[in-house]
Amino acid sequence: MKDERGEEETKSEGGRSVFNSSFILHPSSLPSPPASSLILHPSSFPPFPTFRPHPLFRGGHAQTIAGAYLPGPQFPYCAREHLVTLADGDRIVLHEDAPAEEGLAGAAFGEGRIALLAHGLGGSHLSGYMQRTAAKLAARGVRVIRMDLRGSGRGFAHARHPVHAGRSDDVAAVLAWIGERHPGQPVTTVGYSMGANMVLRMAGKFGGHAPANLARVMAVCPPIDLAHCSDGMQRGLNRHYDRRFVRGLMAHIGRRRREIPDVLDRILDPAPQRLIDFDDQFTAPLCGFADVHDYYAQASSAPLLPRIAVPALIIAAADDPIICVRMFQKATYSPTTQLVITPSGGHLGFIGVGGIDPDRRWLDWRTIEWVLSQPSS
């Protein structure tokens, strides 16, 4: 079978395969980056523009670092905060950015669209991609809800339980809160990295019974197979990211011990050096999993991808040093899913050449296009 670019596409048992033979050389070998974006592209989706990396940021590491640290515009905080109580008693904080034409004085949703954004591990509503995307969407009449994941950002003191990659029910709770507070408004849910896994997992768990207000989902650089990601981060320079995650998590739980009464905790001695060790010693036992392998198996979204019934867009890069692209070869997808693998972009980088979009943040503009392509109420 050929895709819309006329290239040969293969199938895997139980669903769609996403790579042609020129991309995957052999199932046991690492894939070579394609010359242009590789797309599993149902005919119902609009054409997808190619990502062309900025010449100063070539390669996955350069894109990842530039995406995180490249200076950009400063955005004043103009959001309205909300607290949402979860089933186990923890609470998370939402940051509601009103559409530009309404301003903070507006009390009700307008007739436009809503975007719910969920950040990645170690991020918050203040992460650069969260602020930029919220500002650009609000300027185009979209109401944006930036979600601080459990224990993150402004919600730090409101959570006794740790966050983990499988807490898709937290995202579902926010979606239900939006539906109750503002009925009849369609929501596009966008997740980044760990938040992207949660969003896909939520949509897969819903299957054909998604809430009426869930219009579509988007997942950027999702770790759909957590065990595969863990293995990939033990190779070469990728170990830098693994150690950085562990340092951030150790600092986070140290602060939890100091500032949150009755916090769920475990003494880590010796201190873990790898993310898989942290998850085995801390995340898995405190979150009800038998061990790290049970956690990774249950929290990964890959087994649920074939069940997604709403329109879904997944964007990943072939040179992502954190999310190994090979896991997408093994996964199967529902007919409502569009998967885009770009040859470069790193992890949440996607710093492109000029002249294509209003600025070089290619990912921001693809998110805006996806949100605005949903029918308004």
Protein backbone atom coordinates (compact mmCIF):
# COMPACT_ATOMS: atom_id res chain seq x y z
CA MET A 1 0.00 0.00 0.00
CA LYS A 2 1.27 3.51 -0.73
CA ASP A 3 0.81 6.62 1.32
CA GLU A 4 -0.09 10.06 -0.03
CA ARG A 5 3.52 10.74 -0.97
CA GLY A 6 3.54 7.64 -3.15
CA GLU A 7 5.94 5.74 -0.90
CA GLU A 8 5.54 2.13 0.03
CA GLU A 9 3.92 1.51 3.41
CA THR A 10 3.99 -1.78 5.29
CA LYS A 11 1.40 -3.21 7.67
CA SER A 12 1.84 -4.90 11.01
CA GLU A 13 -0.56 -7.40 12.48
CA GLY A 14 -3.49 -5.76 14.23
CA GLY A 15 -3.02 -2.28 12.82
CA ARG A 16 -0.95 0.14 10.80
CA SER A 17 2.81 0.20 10.54
CA VAL A 18 4.24 3.66 10.26
CA PHE A 19 7.50 3.22 8.38
CA ASN A 20 8.36 2.37 4.81
CA SER A 21 11.24 0.03 3.94
CA SER A 22 13.63 2.89 3.25
CA PHE A 23 13.23 4.06 6.85
CA ILE A 24 13.36 0.82 8.81
CA LEU A 25 16.30 -1.13 7.45
CA HIS A 26 15.75 -4.14 9.71
CA PRO A 27 13.61 -4.65 12.82
CA SER A 28 16.73 -5.22 14.94
CA SER A 29 18.66 -2.22 13.63
CA LEU A 30 18.42 1.46 14.43
CA PRO A 31 16.42 3.40 11.85
CA SER A 32 18.11 5.88 9.57
CA PRO A 33 16.47 9.33 9.60
CA PRO A 34 14.25 9.85 6.56
CA ALA A 35 14.99 12.63 4.09
CA SER A 36 11.66 14.27 4.85
CA SER A 37 8.83 13.88 7.33
CA LEU A 38 7.37 10.41 7.33
CA ILE A 39 3.62 10.42 7.77
CA LEU A 40 0.98 7.83 8.50
CA HIS A 41 -1.62 9.98 6.87
CA PRO A 42 -5.32 9.03 6.70
CA SER A 43 -6.97 10.82 3.83
CA SER A 44 -9.24 12.71 6.23
CA PHE A 45 -6.29 14.76 7.56
CA PRO A 46 -4.96 17.92 5.87
CA PRO A 47 -1.43 17.94 4.38
CA PHE A 48 1.37 18.29 6.92
CA PRO A 49 4.29 20.69 6.30
CA THR A 50 7.86 19.39 6.41
CA PHE A 51 10.13 20.37 9.28
CA ARG A 52 13.45 21.86 8.14
CA PRO A 53 15.91 22.31 11.03
CA HIS A 54 17.76 25.57 11.55
CA PRO A 55 21.33 25.18 10.23
CA LEU A 56 22.80 26.17 13.60
CA PHE A 57 20.86 23.43 15.41
CA ARG A 58 21.42 20.22 13.50
CA GLY A 59 21.08 16.91 15.30
CA GLY A 60 18.90 15.76 18.14
CA HIS A 61 21.04 17.06 21.01
CA ALA A 62 21.36 20.53 19.50
CA GLN A 63 17.63 20.71 18.82
CA THR A 64 16.77 19.49 22.33
CA ILE A 65 19.07 21.98 24.07
CA ALA A 66 18.05 24.88 21.83
CA GLY A 67 14.38 24.06 22.32
CA ALA A 68 14.79 24.31 26.08
CA TYR A 69 17.19 27.25 26.39
CA LEU A 70 16.87 29.44 23.29
CA PRO A 71 15.66 32.86 24.52
CA GLY A 72 12.22 33.97 23.48
CA PRO A 73 9.60 36.59 24.30
CA GLN A 74 8.47 37.07 27.88
CA PHE A 75 4.79 36.49 28.59
CA PRO A 76 3.05 38.27 31.48
CA TYR A 77 0.99 35.96 33.65
CA CYS A 78 -2.65 36.82 33.02
CA ALA A 79 -4.30 33.49 33.75
CA ARG A 80 -7.06 32.66 36.21
CA GLU A 81 -6.16 29.83 38.59
CA HIS A 82 -8.46 26.94 39.47
CA LEU A 83 -8.05 24.02 41.86
CA VAL A 84 -9.39 20.61 40.83
CA THR A 85 -9.76 17.89 43.47
CA LEU A 86 -8.87 14.36 42.38
CA ALA A 87 -10.41 11.10 43.55
CA ASP A 88 -7.62 10.38 46.07
CA GLY A 89 -7.87 13.82 47.65
CA ASP A 90 -4.89 15.41 45.92
CA ARG A 91 -5.52 18.64 44.02
CA ILE A 92 -4.02 20.06 40.85
CA VAL A 93 -3.88 23.65 39.63
CA LEU A 94 -5.18 24.83 36.27
CA HIS A 95 -4.24 28.10 34.59
CA GLU A 96 -6.98 29.48 32.36
CA ASP A 97 -5.88 31.86 29.62
CA ALA A 98 -8.89 33.66 28.18
CA PRO A 99 -9.17 34.42 24.46
CA ALA A 100 -7.68 37.79 23.56
CA GLU A 101 -11.00 39.38 22.66
CA GLU A 102 -12.57 38.40 25.98
CA GLY A 103 -9.93 39.24 28.56
CA LEU A 104 -10.03 38.26 32.19
CA ALA A 105 -13.33 40.05 32.78
CA GLY A 106 -15.24 37.37 30.87
CA ALA A 107 -17.00 34.88 33.11
CA ALA A 108 -18.20 32.33 30.58
CA PHE A 109 -16.70 30.49 27.66
CA GLY A 110 -17.22 32.08 24.27
CA GLU A 111 -18.22 30.30 21.13
CA GLY A 112 -14.63 29.35 20.24
CA ARG A 113 -12.44 26.37 20.90
CA ILE A 114 -10.68 25.17 24.05
CA ALA A 115 -7.17 23.71 24.31
CA LEU A 116 -6.01 21.74 27.35
CA LEU A 117 -2.20 21.58 27.64
CA ALA A 118 -0.28 19.03 29.75
CA HIS A 119 3.48 19.45 30.25
CA GLY A 120 6.29 16.91 30.59
CA LEU A 121 8.35 15.57 33.50
CA GLY A 122 9.94 18.41 35.43
CA GLY A 123 7.87 21.05 33.65
CA SER A 124 4.95 23.24 34.63
CA HIS A 125 2.57 25.85 33.26
CA LEU A 126 5.64 28.09 32.97
CA SER A 127 7.55 25.79 30.60
CA GLY A 128 8.47 27.68 27.46
CA TYR A 129 6.38 25.54 25.12
CA MET A 130 3.38 25.90 27.44
CA GLN A 131 3.63 29.70 27.62
CA ARG A 132 4.30 30.22 23.91
CA THR A 133 1.53 27.92 22.75
CA ALA A 134 -0.99 29.36 25.20
CA ALA A 135 -0.21 32.93 24.12
CA LYS A 136 -0.43 32.13 20.41
CA LEU A 137 -3.69 30.20 20.80
CA ALA A 138 -5.30 32.84 23.00
CA ALA A 139 -4.38 35.50 20.44
CA ARG A 140 -6.38 33.47 17.91
CA GLY A 141 -9.52 33.25 20.02
CA VAL A 142 -8.86 29.91 21.73
CA ARG A 143 -9.39 29.49 25.45
CA VAL A 144 -6.41 27.65 26.93
CA ILE A 145 -6.21 25.59 30.11
CA ARG A 146 -2.61 24.97 31.17
CA MET A 147 -2.56 22.02 33.53
CA ASP A 148 0.10 21.67 36.22
CA LEU A 149 0.56 17.93 36.58
CA ARG A 150 0.16 16.49 40.06
CA GLY A 151 2.69 18.05 42.43
CA SER A 152 4.07 20.39 39.76
CA GLY A 153 4.15 24.17 39.41
CA ARG A 154 1.60 25.97 41.55
CA GLY A 155 0.15 22.60 42.56
CA PHE A 156 3.30 21.48 44.36
CA ALA A 157 1.87 21.72 47.89
CA HIS A 158 -1.49 20.19 46.96
CA ALA A 159 -0.35 16.61 46.23
CA ARG A 160 0.65 13.90 48.72
CA HIS A 161 1.00 11.30 45.97
CA PRO A 162 3.78 11.37 43.36
CA VAL A 163 3.14 12.02 39.69
CA HIS A 164 3.87 9.24 37.21
CA ALA A 165 3.51 8.64 33.48
CA GLY A 166 0.32 6.61 33.81
CA ARG A 167 -1.81 9.21 35.59
CA SER A 168 -4.12 9.64 32.64
CA ASP A 169 -7.07 9.78 35.04
CA ASP A 170 -5.78 13.17 36.20
CA VAL A 171 -6.14 14.51 32.66
CA ALA A 172 -9.58 12.92 32.40
CA ALA A 173 -10.59 14.64 35.66
CA VAL A 174 -9.62 18.02 34.20
CA LEU A 175 -11.55 17.24 31.03
CA ALA A 176 -14.60 16.41 33.17
CA TRP A 177 -14.13 19.65 35.13
CA ILE A 178 -14.16 21.62 31.87
CA GLY A 179 -17.28 19.77 30.72
CA GLU A 180 -19.14 20.50 33.94
CA ARG A 181 -18.08 24.10 34.21
CA HIS A 182 -18.45 24.95 30.53
CA PRO A 183 -20.77 22.47 28.82
CA GLY A 184 -20.92 22.17 25.08
CA GLN A 185 -17.39 23.43 24.38
CA PRO A 186 -15.13 21.11 22.32
CA VAL A 187 -11.67 20.50 23.78
CA THR A 188 -8.41 19.63 22.04
CA THR A 189 -6.08 18.02 24.58
CA VAL A 190 -2.36 18.50 23.87
CA GLY A 191 0.37 16.68 25.78
CA TYR A 192 4.14 17.05 25.74
CA SER A 193 6.55 14.22 26.53
CA MET A 194 5.26 12.49 29.71
CA GLY A 195 2.06 14.54 29.48
CA ALA A 196 1.69 13.27 25.91
CA ASN A 197 1.78 9.67 27.12
CA MET A 198 -0.96 10.52 29.62
CA VAL A 199 -3.11 12.12 26.92
CA LEU A 200 -2.78 9.13 24.58
CA ARG A 201 -3.42 6.71 27.43
CA MET A 202 -6.55 8.64 28.39
CA ALA A 203 -7.89 8.61 24.82
CA GLY A 204 -7.14 4.89 24.50
CA LYS A 205 -8.87 4.06 27.78
CA PHE A 206 -11.93 5.99 26.64
CA GLY A 207 -11.98 4.11 23.32
CA GLY A 208 -15.31 4.66 21.61
CA HIS A 209 -16.85 6.14 24.77
CA ALA A 210 -14.94 9.41 25.03
CA PRO A 211 -16.68 12.35 26.72
CA ALA A 212 -18.64 14.52 24.34
CA ASN A 213 -16.32 17.48 24.89
CA LEU A 214 -13.13 15.60 23.86
CA ALA A 215 -12.82 16.69 20.24
CA ARG A 216 -9.27 15.53 19.47
CA VAL A 217 -5.86 14.91 21.01
CA MET A 218 -2.27 15.75 20.14
CA ALA A 219 0.85 14.12 21.58
CA VAL A 220 4.34 15.58 21.10
CA CYS A 221 7.35 13.31 21.68
CA PRO A 222 5.33 10.79 23.72
CA PRO A 223 7.17 7.97 25.57
CA ILE A 224 4.62 5.39 24.48
CA ASP A 225 6.89 2.52 25.64
CA LEU A 226 8.51 3.50 28.94
CA ALA A 227 10.79 0.47 29.13
CA HIS A 228 12.10 1.19 25.64
CA CYS A 229 12.72 4.83 26.60
CA SER A 230 14.60 3.75 29.72
CA ASP A 231 16.85 1.47 27.69
CA GLY A 232 17.54 4.23 25.17
CA MET A 233 18.62 6.69 27.84
CA GLN A 234 21.39 4.34 28.98
CA ARG A 235 23.25 4.74 25.69
CA GLY A 236 26.03 7.23 24.96
CA LEU A 237 25.30 10.92 25.47
CA ASN A 238 21.68 10.11 26.29
CA ARG A 239 22.85 9.26 29.81
CA HIS A 240 23.15 13.02 30.39
CA TYR A 241 19.37 13.38 30.18
CA ASP A 242 18.83 10.36 32.42
CA ARG A 243 21.08 11.82 35.13
CA ARG A 244 19.46 15.24 34.76
CA PHE A 245 15.99 13.76 35.31
CA VAL A 246 17.21 11.93 38.42
CA ARG A 247 18.83 15.06 39.88
CA GLY A 248 15.62 17.01 39.32
CA LEU A 249 13.48 14.29 40.86
CA MET A 250 15.73 13.94 43.91
CA ALA A 251 15.56 17.70 44.50
CA HIS A 252 11.79 17.54 44.07
CA ILE A 253 11.24 14.81 46.66
CA GLY A 254 13.62 16.58 49.05
CA ARG A 255 11.45 19.66 48.86
CA ARG A 256 8.31 17.49 49.29
CA ARG A 257 9.72 16.13 52.55
CA ARG A 258 10.42 19.61 53.86
CA GLU A 259 7.19 21.34 52.85
CA ILE A 260 4.31 18.83 52.64
CA PRO A 261 2.95 17.27 55.85
CA ASP A 262 2.14 13.55 55.64
CA VAL A 263 3.62 13.26 52.16
CA LEU A 264 3.98 9.72 50.81
CA ASP A 265 7.67 9.01 50.90
CA ARG A 266 10.43 6.40 50.87
CA ILE A 267 14.02 6.70 52.02
CA LEU A 268 16.33 6.19 49.06
CA ASP A 269 19.61 4.73 50.30
CA PRO A 270 21.73 4.48 48.30
CA ALA A 271 20.48 7.32 46.12
CA PRO A 272 19.45 6.14 42.64
CA GLN A 273 21.76 7.09 39.78
CA ARG A 274 19.42 6.17 36.90
CA LEU A 275 15.78 6.96 36.21
CA ILE A 276 14.89 3.27 36.12
CA ASP A 277 16.37 2.90 39.62
CA PHE A 278 14.43 5.91 40.89
CA ASP A 279 11.22 4.48 39.45
CA ASP A 280 11.93 1.07 40.99
CA GLN A 281 12.75 2.42 44.45
CA PHE A 282 10.31 5.33 44.64
CA THR A 283 7.66 5.67 41.93
CA ALA A 284 6.56 2.04 41.62
CA PRO A 285 6.11 1.16 45.33
CA LEU A 286 4.46 4.48 46.23
CA CYS A 287 2.05 4.33 43.31
CA GLY A 288 0.83 0.76 43.73
CA PHE A 289 2.96 -1.09 41.18
CA ALA A 290 4.75 -4.36 41.90
CA ASP A 291 8.07 -3.06 40.56
CA VAL A 292 9.46 -0.83 37.85
CA HIS A 293 8.70 -3.36 35.12
CA ASP A 294 5.06 -3.52 36.21
CA TYR A 295 4.94 0.30 36.31
CA TYR A 296 6.39 0.69 32.83
CA ALA A 297 4.08 -1.98 31.38
CA GLN A 298 0.91 -0.55 32.92
CA ALA A 299 1.68 3.14 32.40
CA SER A 300 2.80 2.97 28.76
CA SER A 301 0.23 4.16 26.24
CA ALA A 302 1.35 1.91 23.35
CA PRO A 303 -1.05 -1.00 24.11
CA LEU A 304 -4.01 1.42 24.08
CA LEU A 305 -3.21 3.28 20.84
CA PRO A 306 -5.35 1.01 18.62
CA ARG A 307 -8.41 1.90 20.74
CA ILE A 308 -8.25 5.66 20.22
CA ALA A 309 -11.46 6.76 18.52
CA VAL A 310 -11.09 10.55 18.41
CA PRO A 311 -8.82 12.28 15.86
CA ALA A 312 -5.26 12.02 17.17
CA LEU A 313 -1.98 13.56 16.05
CA ILE A 314 1.39 12.21 17.23
CA ILE A 315 4.57 14.15 16.42
CA ALA A 316 8.04 12.77 17.11
CA ALA A 317 11.57 13.22 15.76
CA ALA A 318 13.86 10.50 14.45
CA ASP A 319 16.81 12.03 16.34
CA ASP A 320 15.07 12.46 19.71
CA PRO A 321 17.68 11.46 22.34
CA ILE A 322 15.02 10.73 24.98
CA ILE A 323 12.17 9.12 23.01
CA CYS A 324 13.70 6.37 20.87
CA VAL A 325 11.91 6.44 17.52
CA ARG A 326 12.14 2.68 17.15
CA MET A 327 9.24 2.19 19.57
CA PHE A 328 6.90 3.71 16.99
CA GLN A 329 7.83 0.94 14.58
CA LYS A 330 6.46 -1.69 16.94
CA ALA A 331 3.23 0.11 17.79
CA THR A 332 -0.10 -0.16 16.00
CA TYR A 333 -2.52 2.72 15.53
CA SER A 334 -6.20 3.38 15.11
CA PRO A 335 -7.60 4.68 11.81
CA THR A 336 -8.18 8.05 13.49
CA THR A 337 -4.48 8.57 14.24
CA GLN A 338 -1.97 10.60 12.23
CA LEU A 339 1.69 9.93 13.07
CA VAL A 340 4.39 12.33 11.89
CA ILE A 341 8.06 11.40 12.28
CA THR A 342 10.37 14.24 11.30
CA PRO A 343 14.03 13.56 10.43
CA SER A 344 15.17 16.06 13.06
CA GLY A 345 13.72 18.06 15.92
CA GLY A 346 15.17 16.41 19.01
CA HIS A 347 13.04 16.28 22.14
CA LEU A 348 10.56 19.17 22.16
CA GLY A 349 12.95 21.20 20.03
CA PHE A 350 11.81 21.66 16.42
CA ILE A 351 13.71 24.93 15.85
CA GLY A 352 13.20 25.48 12.15
CA VAL A 353 14.49 27.68 9.36
CA GLY A 354 12.94 31.07 8.79
CA GLY A 355 10.38 32.00 6.19
CA ILE A 356 7.97 29.09 6.74
CA ASP A 357 6.13 30.17 9.89
CA PRO A 358 5.85 33.56 11.67
CA ASP A 359 8.77 32.47 13.89
CA ARG A 360 11.18 29.51 14.05
CA ARG A 361 9.11 27.49 16.56
CA TRP A 362 7.77 24.97 14.03
CA LEU A 363 6.03 22.88 16.68
CA ASP A 364 4.01 25.80 18.06
CA TRP A 365 2.47 26.48 14.66
CA ARG A 366 1.61 22.83 14.01
CA THR A 367 -0.18 22.81 17.37
CA ILE A 368 -2.11 25.94 16.45
CA GLU A 369 -3.11 24.43 13.09
CA TRP A 370 -4.29 21.25 14.79
CA VAL A 371 -6.36 23.09 17.39
CA LEU A 372 -7.88 25.49 14.88
CA SER A 373 -8.80 22.66 12.52
CA GLN A 374 -11.32 21.33 15.05
CA PRO A 375 -14.88 22.54 14.38
CA SER A 376 -15.97 25.27 16.77
CA SER A 377 -19.15 24.95 18.80
